[in-house]
Amino acid sequence: MTRLRLLIFADALAAGPALSPAEAADVANGKKVYVDKCLRCHGEKGKGDGPKASALPKKALDYTDRKKMAEVPDAQLKQVLLEGNNPMPAYKGRLSNKDVDDVVAYIRSFSAK
């Protein structure tokens, strides 16, 4: 390897591995956003049993269902958060991309237990 390539390689190693959005997420912030925007329907523990859940035309997703949540990729959760899914409102323009990643990480914590 040339000296330049070695320097670039050493720099990359020193920086460490790139983090995925879920790994870089701030779960504490995700919880704050979830409590403000999601809890009313999805419930405190993510079971889809929030105070407004019974008034919904369809059941809110139960985030504690490991099998179901394993079938839902992060990209789909993000899409629903941003674009909505009737009756769930869209949060595009109301939440930052970072907030969306943080909420997804917090939602994932329900099925990780």
N, C-alpha and C. Protein backbone atom coordinates (compact mmCIF):
# COMPACT_ATOMS: atom_id res chain seq x y z
N MET A 1 0.84 -1.18 0.00
CA MET A 1 0.00 0.00 0.00
C MET A 1 0.88 1.24 0.00
N THR A 2 0.40 2.23 -0.70
CA THR A 2 1.13 3.49 -0.68
C THR A 2 0.93 4.18 0.67
N ARG A 3 1.78 5.11 0.95
CA ARG A 3 1.70 5.85 2.22
C ARG A 3 0.34 6.56 2.35
N LEU A 4 -0.16 7.15 1.27
CA LEU A 4 -1.44 7.85 1.29
C LEU A 4 -2.58 6.89 1.62
N ARG A 5 -2.56 5.73 0.97
CA ARG A 5 -3.61 4.74 1.25
C ARG A 5 -3.55 4.29 2.71
N LEU A 6 -2.35 4.10 3.23
CA LEU A 6 -2.21 3.70 4.63
C LEU A 6 -2.76 4.77 5.57
N LEU A 7 -2.50 6.02 5.25
CA LEU A 7 -3.01 7.12 6.08
C LEU A 7 -4.53 7.17 6.04
N ILE A 8 -5.10 7.00 4.87
CA ILE A 8 -6.56 7.01 4.74
C ILE A 8 -7.15 5.83 5.51
N PHE A 9 -6.55 4.66 5.38
CA PHE A 9 -7.02 3.47 6.08
C PHE A 9 -6.92 3.66 7.59
N ALA A 10 -5.81 4.20 8.06
CA ALA A 10 -5.62 4.44 9.50
C ALA A 10 -6.64 5.45 10.00
N ASP A 11 -6.92 6.46 9.21
CA ASP A 11 -7.92 7.47 9.57
C ASP A 11 -9.30 6.82 9.72
N ALA A 12 -9.64 5.96 8.78
CA ALA A 12 -10.94 5.28 8.82
C ALA A 12 -11.04 4.39 10.05
N LEU A 13 -9.98 3.69 10.39
CA LEU A 13 -9.98 2.84 11.58
C LEU A 13 -10.12 3.66 12.86
N ALA A 14 -9.45 4.77 12.92
CA ALA A 14 -9.50 5.63 14.10
C ALA A 14 -10.90 6.20 14.30
N ALA A 15 -11.61 6.46 13.22
CA ALA A 15 -12.96 7.01 13.31
C ALA A 15 -13.95 5.97 13.83
N GLY A 16 -13.60 4.71 13.71
CA GLY A 16 -14.50 3.65 14.16
C GLY A 16 -15.53 3.33 13.10
N PRO A 17 -16.34 2.31 13.35
CA PRO A 17 -17.33 1.91 12.36
C PRO A 17 -18.43 2.95 12.25
N ALA A 18 -18.98 3.08 11.06
CA ALA A 18 -20.11 4.00 10.86
C ALA A 18 -21.32 3.46 11.61
N LEU A 19 -22.04 4.34 12.25
CA LEU A 19 -23.22 3.93 13.00
C LEU A 19 -24.45 3.97 12.10
N SER A 20 -25.32 2.98 12.25
CA SER A 20 -26.59 3.02 11.55
C SER A 20 -27.46 4.06 12.23
N PRO A 21 -28.52 4.55 11.58
CA PRO A 21 -29.39 5.53 12.24
C PRO A 21 -29.93 5.04 13.58
N ALA A 22 -30.26 3.75 13.67
CA ALA A 22 -30.79 3.21 14.93
C ALA A 22 -29.73 3.24 16.02
N GLU A 23 -28.48 2.97 15.67
CA GLU A 23 -27.40 2.98 16.66
C GLU A 23 -27.06 4.40 17.10
N ALA A 24 -27.24 5.36 16.19
CA ALA A 24 -26.91 6.75 16.50
C ALA A 24 -28.07 7.47 17.16
N ALA A 25 -29.21 6.81 17.26
CA ALA A 25 -30.42 7.44 17.77
C ALA A 25 -30.32 7.76 19.25
N ASP A 26 -31.06 8.79 19.62
CA ASP A 26 -31.17 9.22 21.00
C ASP A 26 -32.51 8.72 21.53
N VAL A 27 -32.49 7.58 22.21
CA VAL A 27 -33.72 6.94 22.68
C VAL A 27 -34.46 7.83 23.67
N ALA A 28 -33.73 8.57 24.50
CA ALA A 28 -34.37 9.48 25.46
C ALA A 28 -35.18 10.55 24.73
N ASN A 29 -34.62 11.10 23.66
CA ASN A 29 -35.36 12.07 22.86
C ASN A 29 -36.53 11.38 22.17
N GLY A 30 -36.31 10.16 21.69
CA GLY A 30 -37.40 9.39 21.06
C GLY A 30 -38.56 9.21 22.01
N LYS A 31 -38.27 8.96 23.27
CA LYS A 31 -39.34 8.80 24.26
C LYS A 31 -40.11 10.11 24.44
N LYS A 32 -39.41 11.23 24.49
CA LYS A 32 -40.09 12.53 24.64
C LYS A 32 -41.04 12.78 23.48
N VAL A 33 -40.57 12.53 22.26
CA VAL A 33 -41.40 12.74 21.08
C VAL A 33 -42.57 11.76 21.09
N TYR A 34 -42.31 10.51 21.43
CA TYR A 34 -43.35 9.48 21.50
C TYR A 34 -44.44 9.90 22.50
N VAL A 35 -44.04 10.34 23.68
CA VAL A 35 -45.01 10.75 24.71
C VAL A 35 -45.88 11.89 24.17
N ASP A 36 -45.26 12.82 23.45
CA ASP A 36 -45.99 13.97 22.93
C ASP A 36 -46.89 13.63 21.75
N LYS A 37 -46.42 12.77 20.85
CA LYS A 37 -47.13 12.53 19.59
C LYS A 37 -47.82 11.18 19.45
N CYS A 38 -47.36 10.15 20.16
CA CYS A 38 -47.80 8.78 19.87
C CYS A 38 -48.57 8.11 21.01
N LEU A 39 -48.28 8.49 22.23
CA LEU A 39 -48.81 7.81 23.40
C LEU A 39 -50.33 7.75 23.41
N ARG A 40 -51.00 8.81 22.96
CA ARG A 40 -52.47 8.85 23.03
C ARG A 40 -53.11 7.65 22.34
N CYS A 41 -52.51 7.18 21.28
CA CYS A 41 -53.08 6.02 20.57
C CYS A 41 -52.31 4.73 20.85
N HIS A 42 -51.00 4.80 20.87
CA HIS A 42 -50.18 3.59 21.01
C HIS A 42 -49.95 3.19 22.46
N GLY A 43 -50.25 4.06 23.41
CA GLY A 43 -50.16 3.70 24.82
C GLY A 43 -48.78 3.89 25.42
N GLU A 44 -48.76 3.97 26.74
CA GLU A 44 -47.52 4.20 27.48
C GLU A 44 -46.49 3.11 27.25
N LYS A 45 -46.95 1.88 27.13
CA LYS A 45 -46.04 0.74 26.97
C LYS A 45 -46.00 0.23 25.53
N GLY A 46 -46.63 0.97 24.58
CA GLY A 46 -46.57 0.63 23.17
C GLY A 46 -47.48 -0.50 22.74
N LYS A 47 -48.49 -0.82 23.53
CA LYS A 47 -49.36 -1.95 23.22
C LYS A 47 -50.54 -1.59 22.30
N GLY A 48 -50.63 -0.33 21.89
CA GLY A 48 -51.75 0.09 21.04
C GLY A 48 -53.01 0.32 21.85
N ASP A 49 -52.84 0.61 23.14
CA ASP A 49 -53.98 0.75 24.04
C ASP A 49 -54.03 2.11 24.74
N GLY A 50 -53.63 3.15 24.02
CA GLY A 50 -53.63 4.49 24.58
C GLY A 50 -55.04 4.99 24.84
N PRO A 51 -55.19 6.13 25.51
CA PRO A 51 -56.50 6.65 25.87
C PRO A 51 -57.43 6.91 24.68
N LYS A 52 -56.88 7.17 23.51
CA LYS A 52 -57.71 7.41 22.32
C LYS A 52 -57.84 6.18 21.43
N ALA A 53 -57.20 5.09 21.79
CA ALA A 53 -57.15 3.90 20.93
C ALA A 53 -58.53 3.33 20.64
N SER A 54 -59.41 3.32 21.63
CA SER A 54 -60.73 2.71 21.43
C SER A 54 -61.59 3.49 20.43
N ALA A 55 -61.27 4.74 20.18
CA ALA A 55 -62.04 5.55 19.23
C ALA A 55 -61.51 5.43 17.79
N LEU A 56 -60.41 4.71 17.61
CA LEU A 56 -59.81 4.59 16.28
C LEU A 56 -60.60 3.59 15.42
N PRO A 57 -60.68 3.84 14.10
CA PRO A 57 -61.37 2.91 13.22
C PRO A 57 -60.64 1.58 13.03
N LYS A 58 -59.33 1.58 13.30
CA LYS A 58 -58.56 0.32 13.29
C LYS A 58 -57.58 0.36 14.44
N LYS A 59 -57.20 -0.81 14.92
CA LYS A 59 -56.33 -0.91 16.09
C LYS A 59 -54.95 -0.36 15.80
N ALA A 60 -54.44 0.41 16.74
CA ALA A 60 -53.07 0.93 16.64
C ALA A 60 -52.09 -0.25 16.76
N LEU A 61 -50.99 -0.17 16.06
CA LEU A 61 -49.99 -1.23 16.08
C LEU A 61 -49.45 -1.45 17.49
N ASP A 62 -49.35 -2.70 17.88
CA ASP A 62 -48.80 -3.10 19.18
C ASP A 62 -47.30 -3.27 19.00
N TYR A 63 -46.54 -2.31 19.51
CA TYR A 63 -45.09 -2.33 19.35
C TYR A 63 -44.41 -3.38 20.21
N THR A 64 -45.14 -4.01 21.11
CA THR A 64 -44.55 -5.04 21.97
C THR A 64 -44.60 -6.43 21.32
N ASP A 65 -45.33 -6.54 20.22
CA ASP A 65 -45.47 -7.83 19.52
C ASP A 65 -44.19 -8.10 18.72
N ARG A 66 -43.30 -8.89 19.33
CA ARG A 66 -41.98 -9.15 18.71
C ARG A 66 -42.08 -9.71 17.30
N LYS A 67 -42.95 -10.67 17.11
CA LYS A 67 -43.07 -11.32 15.80
C LYS A 67 -43.51 -10.30 14.75
N LYS A 68 -44.53 -9.53 15.06
CA LYS A 68 -45.03 -8.53 14.11
C LYS A 68 -43.98 -7.45 13.86
N MET A 69 -43.34 -6.98 14.91
CA MET A 69 -42.35 -5.91 14.76
C MET A 69 -41.12 -6.37 13.98
N ALA A 70 -40.80 -7.66 14.05
CA ALA A 70 -39.67 -8.19 13.28
C ALA A 70 -39.96 -8.13 11.78
N GLU A 71 -41.24 -8.09 11.43
CA GLU A 71 -41.64 -8.03 10.02
C GLU A 71 -41.71 -6.60 9.49
N VAL A 72 -41.60 -5.62 10.36
CA VAL A 72 -41.73 -4.22 9.96
C VAL A 72 -40.35 -3.57 9.94
N PRO A 73 -39.82 -3.26 8.76
CA PRO A 73 -38.49 -2.62 8.70
C PRO A 73 -38.54 -1.18 9.19
N ASP A 74 -37.41 -0.69 9.66
CA ASP A 74 -37.31 0.71 10.12
C ASP A 74 -37.81 1.68 9.06
N ALA A 75 -37.47 1.41 7.80
CA ALA A 75 -37.87 2.31 6.71
C ALA A 75 -39.40 2.44 6.65
N GLN A 76 -40.11 1.37 6.92
CA GLN A 76 -41.58 1.43 6.90
C GLN A 76 -42.11 2.24 8.08
N LEU A 77 -41.51 2.05 9.26
CA LEU A 77 -41.91 2.85 10.42
C LEU A 77 -41.68 4.33 10.14
N LYS A 78 -40.54 4.65 9.56
CA LYS A 78 -40.22 6.04 9.23
C LYS A 78 -41.22 6.60 8.23
N GLN A 79 -41.54 5.82 7.22
CA GLN A 79 -42.49 6.26 6.19
C GLN A 79 -43.84 6.57 6.81
N VAL A 80 -44.32 5.71 7.69
CA VAL A 80 -45.62 5.93 8.33
C VAL A 80 -45.57 7.17 9.22
N LEU A 81 -44.46 7.34 9.95
CA LEU A 81 -44.32 8.54 10.78
C LEU A 81 -44.36 9.81 9.91
N LEU A 82 -43.69 9.79 8.80
CA LEU A 82 -43.60 10.97 7.95
C LEU A 82 -44.87 11.21 7.12
N GLU A 83 -45.43 10.15 6.56
CA GLU A 83 -46.55 10.30 5.63
C GLU A 83 -47.91 10.01 6.25
N GLY A 84 -47.91 9.42 7.44
CA GLY A 84 -49.17 9.06 8.08
C GLY A 84 -49.74 7.77 7.51
N ASN A 85 -50.78 7.29 8.15
CA ASN A 85 -51.47 6.08 7.71
C ASN A 85 -52.83 6.13 8.39
N ASN A 86 -53.82 6.63 7.70
CA ASN A 86 -55.13 6.91 8.27
C ASN A 86 -55.55 5.87 9.31
N PRO A 87 -55.80 6.26 10.51
CA PRO A 87 -56.07 7.60 11.03
C PRO A 87 -54.83 8.32 11.59
N MET A 88 -53.68 7.70 11.49
CA MET A 88 -52.48 8.34 12.03
C MET A 88 -52.07 9.53 11.18
N PRO A 89 -51.82 10.68 11.83
CA PRO A 89 -51.43 11.86 11.05
C PRO A 89 -50.00 11.77 10.54
N ALA A 90 -49.71 12.56 9.53
CA ALA A 90 -48.35 12.66 8.99
C ALA A 90 -47.57 13.67 9.81
N TYR A 91 -46.30 13.36 10.06
CA TYR A 91 -45.44 14.27 10.81
C TYR A 91 -44.33 14.87 9.96
N LYS A 92 -44.41 14.68 8.64
CA LYS A 92 -43.42 15.29 7.75
C LYS A 92 -43.52 16.80 7.90
N GLY A 93 -42.37 17.43 8.11
CA GLY A 93 -42.35 18.88 8.29
C GLY A 93 -42.62 19.29 9.73
N ARG A 94 -43.10 18.36 10.54
CA ARG A 94 -43.38 18.64 11.96
C ARG A 94 -42.34 17.99 12.87
N LEU A 95 -41.68 16.94 12.36
CA LEU A 95 -40.59 16.27 13.08
C LEU A 95 -39.36 16.28 12.19
N SER A 96 -38.20 16.47 12.80
CA SER A 96 -36.95 16.39 12.05
C SER A 96 -36.63 14.93 11.74
N ASN A 97 -35.74 14.71 10.79
CA ASN A 97 -35.31 13.34 10.48
C ASN A 97 -34.69 12.69 11.71
N LYS A 98 -33.96 13.47 12.49
CA LYS A 98 -33.34 12.96 13.73
C LYS A 98 -34.42 12.52 14.71
N ASP A 99 -35.47 13.34 14.88
CA ASP A 99 -36.57 12.97 15.77
C ASP A 99 -37.24 11.68 15.31
N VAL A 100 -37.41 11.53 14.00
CA VAL A 100 -38.02 10.31 13.45
C VAL A 100 -37.14 9.10 13.77
N ASP A 101 -35.84 9.21 13.55
CA ASP A 101 -34.92 8.11 13.88
C ASP A 101 -34.97 7.79 15.38
N ASP A 102 -35.05 8.83 16.20
CA ASP A 102 -35.11 8.63 17.65
C ASP A 102 -36.40 7.92 18.06
N VAL A 103 -37.52 8.30 17.47
CA VAL A 103 -38.80 7.65 17.78
C VAL A 103 -38.76 6.19 17.35
N VAL A 104 -38.23 5.93 16.18
CA VAL A 104 -38.13 4.54 15.70
C VAL A 104 -37.30 3.71 16.68
N ALA A 105 -36.19 4.25 17.14
CA ALA A 105 -35.36 3.53 18.12
C ALA A 105 -36.14 3.29 19.41
N TYR A 106 -36.91 4.28 19.86
CA TYR A 106 -37.71 4.11 21.08
C TYR A 106 -38.80 3.06 20.86
N ILE A 107 -39.46 3.11 19.71
CA ILE A 107 -40.49 2.11 19.39
C ILE A 107 -39.89 0.71 19.41
N ARG A 108 -38.70 0.56 18.85
CA ARG A 108 -38.02 -0.75 18.84
C ARG A 108 -37.73 -1.25 20.25
N SER A 109 -37.56 -0.33 21.18
CA SER A 109 -37.25 -0.75 22.56
C SER A 109 -38.42 -1.52 23.19
N PHE A 110 -39.64 -1.29 22.72
CA PHE A 110 -40.79 -2.00 23.27
C PHE A 110 -40.74 -3.50 22.97
N SER A 111 -40.28 -3.86 21.80
CA SER A 111 -40.25 -5.28 21.43
C SER A 111 -38.91 -5.93 21.76
N ALA A 112 -37.97 -5.15 22.24
CA ALA A 112 -36.66 -5.70 22.61
C ALA A 112 -36.65 -6.27 24.02
N LYS A 113 -37.68 -5.99 24.77
CA LYS A 113 -37.73 -6.41 26.18
C LYS A 113 -38.12 -7.86 26.31
